[in-house]
């Protein structure tokens, strides 16, 4: 499951690491604030990369939330959707049963890559990675799907653990 990160994944990870630095500087706290800040960073990154972005709660700069927490997309000159480079779901429930629902939305999605943002106790992070990988492997659709999993260590709130996985 621990494949090499691609260029887009490295940019996403860089944004998350910069966010963690800003948490200390600005004192961001609480799931709602963290969700807003991470969605904002992902939306701005998608915009910088030249994608249209759908995300809720960020005002007129981006399209409103559409199906997922964040969507990067490309339309042709007629406004027809032609490509979805990224779909994102976030879930701050610390239990797999809470994360599972949002993760399954990514399983059925059609995009170049998918990102789940979640949290777990430090001692449970590896087990969460295993459960998510098993869900990917067992899902019978969408070969070659690529997933980036970002798990915050909720014991410390100062580090994300990342894995990427491409379904064969």
N, C-alpha and C. Protein backbone atom coordinates (compact mmCIF):
# COMPACT_ATOMS: atom_id res chain seq x y z
N UNK A 1 0.81 -1.20 0.00
CA UNK A 1 0.00 0.00 0.00
C UNK A 1 0.85 1.26 0.00
N UNK A 2 2.06 1.21 0.43
CA UNK A 2 2.86 2.41 0.56
C UNK A 2 3.65 2.66 -0.71
N UNK A 3 2.97 3.11 -1.75
CA UNK A 3 3.58 3.39 -3.04
C UNK A 3 4.25 4.76 -3.00
N UNK A 4 4.94 5.08 -4.08
CA UNK A 4 5.53 6.41 -4.21
C UNK A 4 4.42 7.44 -4.45
N UNK A 5 4.56 8.59 -3.84
CA UNK A 5 3.61 9.67 -4.07
C UNK A 5 3.88 10.31 -5.42
N UNK A 6 2.83 10.67 -6.14
CA UNK A 6 3.01 11.37 -7.41
C UNK A 6 3.12 12.88 -7.14
N UNK A 7 3.32 13.66 -8.19
CA UNK A 7 3.54 15.10 -8.03
C UNK A 7 2.37 15.80 -7.34
N UNK A 8 1.16 15.47 -7.73
CA UNK A 8 -0.02 16.09 -7.12
C UNK A 8 -0.11 15.71 -5.65
N UNK A 9 0.11 14.46 -5.34
CA UNK A 9 0.06 14.02 -3.94
C UNK A 9 1.12 14.72 -3.11
N UNK A 10 2.30 14.92 -3.66
CA UNK A 10 3.34 15.64 -2.93
C UNK A 10 2.92 17.08 -2.66
N UNK A 11 2.25 17.71 -3.62
CA UNK A 11 1.76 19.08 -3.40
C UNK A 11 0.69 19.11 -2.32
N UNK A 12 -0.19 18.14 -2.31
CA UNK A 12 -1.23 18.06 -1.27
C UNK A 12 -0.58 17.87 0.10
N UNK A 13 0.37 16.96 0.18
CA UNK A 13 1.07 16.71 1.44
C UNK A 13 1.78 17.98 1.91
N UNK A 14 2.40 18.69 1.00
CA UNK A 14 3.07 19.95 1.35
C UNK A 14 2.08 20.94 1.95
N UNK A 15 0.89 21.05 1.35
CA UNK A 15 -0.15 21.94 1.89
C UNK A 15 -0.54 21.53 3.30
N UNK A 16 -0.67 20.23 3.52
CA UNK A 16 -1.08 19.75 4.84
C UNK A 16 0.01 20.02 5.88
N UNK A 17 1.26 19.83 5.49
CA UNK A 17 2.36 20.09 6.42
C UNK A 17 2.46 21.59 6.75
N UNK A 18 2.23 22.44 5.75
CA UNK A 18 2.21 23.89 6.01
C UNK A 18 1.03 24.25 6.91
N UNK A 19 -0.10 23.58 6.72
CA UNK A 19 -1.25 23.79 7.59
C UNK A 19 -0.90 23.48 9.04
N UNK A 20 -0.22 22.36 9.27
CA UNK A 20 0.15 22.00 10.63
C UNK A 20 1.05 23.05 11.26
N UNK A 21 1.92 23.67 10.47
CA UNK A 21 2.73 24.77 10.99
C UNK A 21 1.85 25.96 11.36
N UNK A 22 0.85 26.23 10.51
CA UNK A 22 -0.06 27.34 10.79
C UNK A 22 -0.95 27.09 12.00
N UNK A 23 -1.22 25.82 12.30
CA UNK A 23 -2.02 25.50 13.48
C UNK A 23 -1.34 26.06 14.72
N UNK A 24 -0.03 25.87 14.80
CA UNK A 24 0.71 26.39 15.95
C UNK A 24 0.74 27.91 15.96
N UNK A 25 0.95 28.51 14.80
CA UNK A 25 1.06 29.97 14.72
C UNK A 25 -0.28 30.65 15.02
N UNK A 26 -1.36 30.15 14.41
CA UNK A 26 -2.66 30.81 14.49
C UNK A 26 -3.60 30.18 15.52
N UNK A 27 -3.20 29.07 16.09
CA UNK A 27 -4.02 28.43 17.11
C UNK A 27 -5.32 27.83 16.60
N UNK A 28 -5.33 27.35 15.35
CA UNK A 28 -6.54 26.71 14.82
C UNK A 28 -6.90 25.52 15.71
N UNK A 29 -8.18 25.41 16.05
CA UNK A 29 -8.60 24.25 16.83
C UNK A 29 -10.04 23.90 16.49
N UNK A 30 -10.37 22.65 16.68
CA UNK A 30 -11.72 22.17 16.43
C UNK A 30 -11.89 21.62 15.03
N UNK A 31 -12.73 20.60 14.93
CA UNK A 31 -12.94 19.92 13.65
C UNK A 31 -13.45 20.86 12.57
N UNK A 32 -14.37 21.75 12.91
CA UNK A 32 -14.95 22.66 11.91
C UNK A 32 -13.88 23.58 11.34
N UNK A 33 -13.05 24.14 12.20
CA UNK A 33 -11.98 25.04 11.74
C UNK A 33 -10.97 24.28 10.90
N UNK A 34 -10.58 23.09 11.35
CA UNK A 34 -9.61 22.30 10.60
C UNK A 34 -10.17 21.94 9.23
N UNK A 35 -11.44 21.53 9.18
CA UNK A 35 -12.06 21.17 7.90
C UNK A 35 -12.05 22.37 6.97
N UNK A 36 -12.47 23.52 7.47
CA UNK A 36 -12.51 24.73 6.65
C UNK A 36 -11.12 25.05 6.11
N UNK A 37 -10.12 25.05 6.97
CA UNK A 37 -8.77 25.42 6.56
C UNK A 37 -8.19 24.43 5.54
N UNK A 38 -8.40 23.15 5.75
CA UNK A 38 -7.87 22.16 4.80
C UNK A 38 -8.60 22.22 3.47
N UNK A 39 -9.93 22.39 3.49
CA UNK A 39 -10.68 22.54 2.24
C UNK A 39 -10.23 23.79 1.50
N UNK A 40 -9.99 24.87 2.23
CA UNK A 40 -9.53 26.11 1.61
C UNK A 40 -8.18 25.90 0.92
N UNK A 41 -7.27 25.23 1.59
CA UNK A 41 -5.95 24.97 1.00
C UNK A 41 -6.05 24.08 -0.24
N UNK A 42 -6.89 23.06 -0.17
CA UNK A 42 -7.07 22.18 -1.33
C UNK A 42 -7.72 22.93 -2.49
N UNK A 43 -8.67 23.79 -2.19
CA UNK A 43 -9.33 24.58 -3.23
C UNK A 43 -8.33 25.53 -3.89
N UNK A 44 -7.53 26.20 -3.09
CA UNK A 44 -6.54 27.13 -3.64
C UNK A 44 -5.48 26.39 -4.45
N UNK A 45 -5.07 25.22 -4.00
CA UNK A 45 -4.11 24.42 -4.76
C UNK A 45 -4.70 24.01 -6.10
N UNK A 46 -5.92 23.52 -6.10
CA UNK A 46 -6.57 23.15 -7.36
C UNK A 46 -6.66 24.32 -8.31
N UNK A 47 -6.99 25.48 -7.78
CA UNK A 47 -7.07 26.70 -8.60
C UNK A 47 -5.70 27.05 -9.18
N UNK A 48 -4.66 26.98 -8.36
CA UNK A 48 -3.30 27.27 -8.85
C UNK A 48 -2.88 26.30 -9.95
N UNK A 49 -3.38 25.08 -9.88
CA UNK A 49 -3.04 24.07 -10.89
C UNK A 49 -3.90 24.19 -12.14
N UNK A 50 -4.82 25.15 -12.14
CA UNK A 50 -5.63 25.42 -13.33
C UNK A 50 -6.96 24.69 -13.40
N UNK A 51 -7.37 24.08 -12.30
CA UNK A 51 -8.64 23.36 -12.29
C UNK A 51 -9.76 24.26 -11.78
N UNK A 52 -10.97 23.96 -12.18
CA UNK A 52 -12.13 24.53 -11.53
C UNK A 52 -12.31 23.74 -10.24
N UNK A 53 -12.86 24.41 -9.23
CA UNK A 53 -12.97 23.78 -7.92
C UNK A 53 -14.38 23.94 -7.37
N UNK A 54 -14.91 22.85 -6.88
CA UNK A 54 -16.19 22.85 -6.19
C UNK A 54 -15.91 22.54 -4.72
N UNK A 55 -16.34 23.47 -3.85
CA UNK A 55 -16.12 23.30 -2.41
C UNK A 55 -17.12 24.19 -1.68
N UNK A 56 -17.66 23.70 -0.62
CA UNK A 56 -18.64 24.49 0.12
C UNK A 56 -18.00 25.43 1.11
N UNK A 57 -18.66 26.56 1.35
CA UNK A 57 -18.28 27.46 2.43
C UNK A 57 -17.15 28.42 2.16
N UNK A 58 -16.69 28.54 0.92
CA UNK A 58 -15.56 29.43 0.65
C UNK A 58 -15.96 30.64 -0.19
N UNK A 59 -17.22 30.89 -0.34
CA UNK A 59 -17.65 32.08 -1.04
C UNK A 59 -17.67 31.94 -2.54
N UNK A 60 -17.65 33.08 -3.21
CA UNK A 60 -17.85 33.14 -4.66
C UNK A 60 -16.63 32.76 -5.49
N UNK A 61 -15.49 32.60 -4.87
CA UNK A 61 -14.29 32.26 -5.64
C UNK A 61 -14.35 30.85 -6.22
N UNK A 62 -15.19 30.01 -5.63
CA UNK A 62 -15.28 28.61 -6.06
C UNK A 62 -16.74 28.22 -6.20
N UNK A 63 -16.98 27.19 -7.02
CA UNK A 63 -18.34 26.63 -7.11
C UNK A 63 -18.70 26.01 -5.76
N UNK A 64 -19.98 25.98 -5.43
CA UNK A 64 -20.43 25.40 -4.17
C UNK A 64 -20.16 23.91 -4.10
N UNK A 65 -20.33 23.36 -2.90
CA UNK A 65 -20.06 21.94 -2.70
C UNK A 65 -20.94 21.11 -3.62
N UNK A 66 -20.33 20.10 -4.22
CA UNK A 66 -21.00 19.27 -5.21
C UNK A 66 -20.55 17.83 -5.04
N UNK A 67 -21.37 17.02 -4.42
CA UNK A 67 -21.18 15.59 -4.24
C UNK A 67 -20.12 15.22 -3.20
N UNK A 68 -19.01 15.92 -3.18
CA UNK A 68 -17.90 15.63 -2.27
C UNK A 68 -17.49 16.92 -1.57
N UNK A 69 -16.66 16.79 -0.54
CA UNK A 69 -16.21 17.97 0.19
C UNK A 69 -15.44 18.92 -0.73
N UNK A 70 -14.59 18.36 -1.58
CA UNK A 70 -13.83 19.15 -2.56
C UNK A 70 -13.78 18.34 -3.85
N UNK A 71 -13.96 19.03 -4.98
CA UNK A 71 -13.82 18.41 -6.30
C UNK A 71 -13.00 19.35 -7.17
N UNK A 72 -11.94 18.82 -7.79
CA UNK A 72 -11.25 19.54 -8.85
C UNK A 72 -11.79 19.00 -10.16
N UNK A 73 -12.12 19.89 -11.10
CA UNK A 73 -12.70 19.40 -12.35
C UNK A 73 -12.29 20.28 -13.52
N UNK A 74 -12.49 19.72 -14.72
CA UNK A 74 -12.19 20.42 -15.97
C UNK A 74 -13.44 20.32 -16.84
N UNK A 75 -13.80 21.44 -17.45
CA UNK A 75 -14.91 21.47 -18.40
C UNK A 75 -14.38 21.91 -19.76
N UNK A 76 -15.07 21.47 -20.82
CA UNK A 76 -14.69 21.93 -22.15
C UNK A 76 -15.33 23.29 -22.42
N UNK A 77 -15.12 23.81 -23.63
CA UNK A 77 -15.62 25.14 -23.98
C UNK A 77 -17.14 25.24 -23.95
N UNK A 78 -17.83 24.09 -24.00
CA UNK A 78 -19.29 24.08 -23.93
C UNK A 78 -19.80 23.90 -22.50
N UNK A 79 -18.88 23.84 -21.55
CA UNK A 79 -19.27 23.65 -20.16
C UNK A 79 -19.55 22.21 -19.78
N UNK A 80 -19.15 21.28 -20.64
CA UNK A 80 -19.33 19.85 -20.34
C UNK A 80 -18.17 19.35 -19.49
N UNK A 81 -18.50 18.61 -18.47
CA UNK A 81 -17.48 18.02 -17.60
C UNK A 81 -16.68 17.00 -18.40
N UNK A 82 -15.36 17.16 -18.42
CA UNK A 82 -14.53 16.23 -19.19
C UNK A 82 -13.49 15.49 -18.33
N UNK A 83 -13.25 15.97 -17.11
CA UNK A 83 -12.19 15.37 -16.32
C UNK A 83 -12.37 15.76 -14.85
N UNK A 84 -12.09 14.81 -13.96
CA UNK A 84 -12.11 15.07 -12.52
C UNK A 84 -10.79 14.57 -11.94
N UNK A 85 -9.82 15.47 -11.74
CA UNK A 85 -8.52 15.06 -11.21
C UNK A 85 -8.53 14.65 -9.74
N UNK A 86 -9.50 15.19 -8.94
CA UNK A 86 -9.47 14.90 -7.50
C UNK A 86 -10.86 15.03 -6.90
N UNK A 87 -11.21 14.04 -6.05
CA UNK A 87 -12.36 14.15 -5.17
C UNK A 87 -11.87 13.93 -3.74
N UNK A 88 -12.47 14.66 -2.80
CA UNK A 88 -11.99 14.65 -1.42
C UNK A 88 -13.17 14.47 -0.46
N UNK A 89 -12.96 13.65 0.54
CA UNK A 89 -13.87 13.55 1.67
C UNK A 89 -13.06 13.67 2.95
N UNK A 90 -13.64 14.32 3.94
CA UNK A 90 -13.01 14.40 5.25
C UNK A 90 -14.00 13.93 6.30
N UNK A 91 -13.48 13.24 7.29
CA UNK A 91 -14.32 12.75 8.40
C UNK A 91 -13.46 12.70 9.65
N UNK A 92 -13.88 13.44 10.67
CA UNK A 92 -13.09 13.55 11.89
C UNK A 92 -13.50 12.55 12.97
N UNK A 93 -14.49 11.71 12.70
CA UNK A 93 -14.84 10.66 13.65
C UNK A 93 -13.61 9.77 13.82
N UNK A 94 -13.30 9.42 15.04
CA UNK A 94 -12.10 8.62 15.29
C UNK A 94 -12.33 7.12 15.09
N UNK A 95 -13.58 6.72 14.90
CA UNK A 95 -13.90 5.31 14.72
C UNK A 95 -14.02 4.98 13.23
N UNK A 96 -13.59 3.78 12.88
CA UNK A 96 -13.69 3.35 11.49
C UNK A 96 -15.13 3.38 11.01
N UNK A 97 -16.06 3.03 11.86
CA UNK A 97 -17.47 3.01 11.46
C UNK A 97 -17.93 4.40 11.01
N UNK A 98 -17.38 5.45 11.56
CA UNK A 98 -17.71 6.81 11.12
C UNK A 98 -16.99 7.21 9.85
N UNK A 99 -15.77 6.77 9.69
CA UNK A 99 -14.96 7.10 8.51
C UNK A 99 -15.44 6.31 7.29
N UNK A 100 -15.91 5.10 7.52
CA UNK A 100 -16.29 4.16 6.46
C UNK A 100 -17.29 4.78 5.48
N UNK A 101 -18.31 5.47 5.97
CA UNK A 101 -19.34 6.03 5.10
C UNK A 101 -18.74 7.02 4.10
N UNK A 102 -17.94 7.95 4.59
CA UNK A 102 -17.33 8.94 3.69
C UNK A 102 -16.33 8.29 2.75
N UNK A 103 -15.58 7.32 3.25
CA UNK A 103 -14.61 6.64 2.40
C UNK A 103 -15.30 5.88 1.28
N UNK A 104 -16.44 5.27 1.58
CA UNK A 104 -17.16 4.54 0.54
C UNK A 104 -17.67 5.46 -0.57
N UNK A 105 -17.93 6.71 -0.26
CA UNK A 105 -18.28 7.67 -1.31
C UNK A 105 -17.13 7.82 -2.29
N UNK A 106 -15.90 7.76 -1.78
CA UNK A 106 -14.74 7.82 -2.67
C UNK A 106 -14.59 6.54 -3.48
N UNK A 107 -14.91 5.41 -2.86
CA UNK A 107 -14.81 4.13 -3.58
C UNK A 107 -15.66 4.14 -4.85
N UNK A 108 -16.85 4.72 -4.78
CA UNK A 108 -17.74 4.68 -5.94
C UNK A 108 -17.54 5.87 -6.87
N UNK A 109 -16.70 6.81 -6.48
CA UNK A 109 -16.45 7.99 -7.30
C UNK A 109 -15.61 7.69 -8.53
N UNK A 110 -15.73 8.56 -9.52
CA UNK A 110 -14.97 8.42 -10.75
C UNK A 110 -14.05 9.63 -10.88
N UNK A 111 -12.79 9.45 -10.55
CA UNK A 111 -11.82 10.54 -10.59
C UNK A 111 -10.43 9.95 -10.76
N UNK A 112 -9.49 10.81 -11.15
CA UNK A 112 -8.10 10.34 -11.30
C UNK A 112 -7.51 9.92 -9.95
N UNK A 113 -7.86 10.67 -8.92
CA UNK A 113 -7.36 10.32 -7.58
C UNK A 113 -8.39 10.74 -6.55
N UNK A 114 -8.31 10.08 -5.41
CA UNK A 114 -9.22 10.33 -4.30
C UNK A 114 -8.39 10.58 -3.05
N UNK A 115 -8.89 11.47 -2.20
CA UNK A 115 -8.22 11.80 -0.95
C UNK A 115 -9.22 11.67 0.19
N UNK A 116 -8.86 10.90 1.21
CA UNK A 116 -9.63 10.86 2.45
C UNK A 116 -8.77 11.50 3.53
N UNK A 117 -9.39 12.40 4.28
CA UNK A 117 -8.73 13.07 5.41
C UNK A 117 -9.48 12.60 6.66
N UNK A 118 -8.74 12.02 7.61
CA UNK A 118 -9.39 11.51 8.81
C UNK A 118 -8.39 11.53 9.96
N UNK A 119 -8.82 11.01 11.10
CA UNK A 119 -7.93 10.98 12.26
C UNK A 119 -8.10 9.67 13.01
N UNK A 120 -7.06 9.32 13.75
CA UNK A 120 -7.08 8.13 14.59
C UNK A 120 -6.06 8.31 15.70
N UNK A 121 -6.24 7.56 16.76
CA UNK A 121 -5.23 7.55 17.81
C UNK A 121 -3.94 6.97 17.24
N UNK A 122 -2.82 7.44 17.73
CA UNK A 122 -1.53 7.00 17.21
C UNK A 122 -1.38 5.50 17.12
N UNK A 123 -1.86 4.79 18.14
CA UNK A 123 -1.73 3.34 18.17
C UNK A 123 -2.66 2.64 17.20
N UNK A 124 -3.63 3.37 16.62
CA UNK A 124 -4.62 2.77 15.73
C UNK A 124 -4.45 3.17 14.26
N UNK A 125 -3.45 4.00 13.97
CA UNK A 125 -3.28 4.51 12.60
C UNK A 125 -2.99 3.38 11.62
N UNK A 126 -2.06 2.51 11.96
CA UNK A 126 -1.71 1.42 11.04
C UNK A 126 -2.92 0.52 10.78
N UNK A 127 -3.69 0.24 11.82
CA UNK A 127 -4.89 -0.59 11.66
C UNK A 127 -5.91 0.10 10.74
N UNK A 128 -6.03 1.41 10.84
CA UNK A 128 -6.94 2.15 9.96
C UNK A 128 -6.46 2.05 8.51
N UNK A 129 -5.17 2.22 8.28
CA UNK A 129 -4.64 2.05 6.92
C UNK A 129 -5.00 0.66 6.37
N UNK A 130 -4.85 -0.36 7.18
CA UNK A 130 -5.16 -1.73 6.75
C UNK A 130 -6.64 -1.87 6.40
N UNK A 131 -7.51 -1.33 7.23
CA UNK A 131 -8.95 -1.41 6.96
C UNK A 131 -9.32 -0.69 5.67
N UNK A 132 -8.74 0.48 5.45
CA UNK A 132 -9.04 1.23 4.23
C UNK A 132 -8.50 0.51 2.99
N UNK A 133 -7.30 -0.05 3.10
CA UNK A 133 -6.75 -0.82 1.98
C UNK A 133 -7.64 -2.02 1.68
N UNK A 134 -8.09 -2.71 2.70
CA UNK A 134 -8.97 -3.86 2.49
C UNK A 134 -10.26 -3.45 1.80
N UNK A 135 -10.81 -2.30 2.17
CA UNK A 135 -12.03 -1.81 1.53
C UNK A 135 -11.78 -1.55 0.04
N UNK A 136 -10.61 -0.98 -0.27
CA UNK A 136 -10.26 -0.71 -1.68
C UNK A 136 -10.15 -2.02 -2.45
N UNK A 137 -9.43 -2.97 -1.89
CA UNK A 137 -9.19 -4.25 -2.57
C UNK A 137 -10.49 -5.02 -2.78
N UNK A 138 -11.36 -5.00 -1.80
CA UNK A 138 -12.61 -5.78 -1.88
C UNK A 138 -13.65 -5.16 -2.80
N UNK A 139 -13.57 -3.85 -3.01
CA UNK A 139 -14.54 -3.21 -3.89
C UNK A 139 -14.30 -3.71 -5.31
N UNK A 140 -15.35 -4.17 -5.98
CA UNK A 140 -15.19 -4.90 -7.23
C UNK A 140 -15.19 -4.02 -8.47
N UNK A 141 -15.23 -2.76 -8.33
CA UNK A 141 -15.28 -1.85 -9.48
C UNK A 141 -13.99 -1.04 -9.57
N UNK A 142 -13.89 -0.28 -10.65
CA UNK A 142 -12.90 0.80 -10.80
C UNK A 142 -11.45 0.37 -10.60
N UNK A 143 -10.94 -0.42 -11.51
CA UNK A 143 -9.53 -0.79 -11.48
C UNK A 143 -8.67 0.45 -11.73
N UNK A 144 -7.48 0.45 -11.20
CA UNK A 144 -6.50 1.53 -11.33
C UNK A 144 -6.88 2.80 -10.59
N UNK A 145 -7.85 2.72 -9.68
CA UNK A 145 -8.18 3.87 -8.84
C UNK A 145 -7.00 4.19 -7.94
N UNK A 146 -6.75 5.48 -7.74
CA UNK A 146 -5.64 5.91 -6.91
C UNK A 146 -6.19 6.65 -5.69
N UNK A 147 -5.71 6.28 -4.53
CA UNK A 147 -6.17 6.86 -3.27
C UNK A 147 -4.98 7.44 -2.51
N UNK A 148 -5.18 8.62 -1.94
CA UNK A 148 -4.25 9.19 -0.97
C UNK A 148 -5.01 9.23 0.35
N UNK A 149 -4.42 8.66 1.37
CA UNK A 149 -5.04 8.60 2.69
C UNK A 149 -4.19 9.45 3.63
N UNK A 150 -4.83 10.44 4.27
CA UNK A 150 -4.15 11.32 5.22
C UNK A 150 -4.81 11.14 6.58
N UNK A 151 -4.06 10.58 7.53
CA UNK A 151 -4.60 10.31 8.86
C UNK A 151 -3.86 11.17 9.87
N UNK A 152 -4.61 12.01 10.56
CA UNK A 152 -4.05 12.84 11.62
C UNK A 152 -3.91 12.01 12.88
N UNK A 153 -2.75 12.10 13.53
CA UNK A 153 -2.58 11.48 14.83
C UNK A 153 -3.31 12.36 15.84
N UNK A 154 -4.48 11.92 16.31
CA UNK A 154 -5.29 12.76 17.19
C UNK A 154 -4.76 12.79 18.62
N UNK A 155 -3.76 11.98 18.94
CA UNK A 155 -3.14 12.08 20.26
C UNK A 155 -2.31 13.34 20.38
N UNK A 156 -1.76 13.77 19.26
CA UNK A 156 -0.85 14.92 19.29
C UNK A 156 -1.35 16.10 18.46
N UNK A 157 -2.19 15.84 17.46
CA UNK A 157 -2.67 16.86 16.52
C UNK A 157 -1.53 17.61 15.83
N UNK A 158 -0.37 16.98 15.71
CA UNK A 158 0.74 17.69 15.08
C UNK A 158 1.40 16.91 13.94
N UNK A 159 0.76 15.81 13.52
CA UNK A 159 1.34 15.07 12.39
C UNK A 159 0.27 14.28 11.66
N UNK A 160 0.36 14.34 10.33
CA UNK A 160 -0.43 13.48 9.47
C UNK A 160 0.45 12.31 9.05
N UNK A 161 -0.16 11.16 8.88
CA UNK A 161 0.49 9.99 8.29
C UNK A 161 -0.16 9.78 6.94
N UNK A 162 0.65 9.50 5.92
CA UNK A 162 0.14 9.42 4.55
C UNK A 162 0.45 8.06 3.94
N UNK A 163 -0.50 7.58 3.18
CA UNK A 163 -0.28 6.40 2.35
C UNK A 163 -0.99 6.64 1.02
N UNK A 164 -0.46 6.04 -0.01
CA UNK A 164 -1.13 6.07 -1.30
C UNK A 164 -1.27 4.63 -1.78
N UNK A 165 -2.31 4.41 -2.54
CA UNK A 165 -2.61 3.06 -2.98
C UNK A 165 -3.32 3.12 -4.33
N UNK A 166 -2.85 2.32 -5.27
CA UNK A 166 -3.52 2.19 -6.56
C UNK A 166 -4.10 0.79 -6.65
N UNK A 167 -5.40 0.73 -6.92
CA UNK A 167 -6.08 -0.57 -7.01
C UNK A 167 -5.73 -1.24 -8.32
N UNK A 168 -5.30 -2.48 -8.26
CA UNK A 168 -4.99 -3.25 -9.47
C UNK A 168 -6.17 -4.09 -9.90
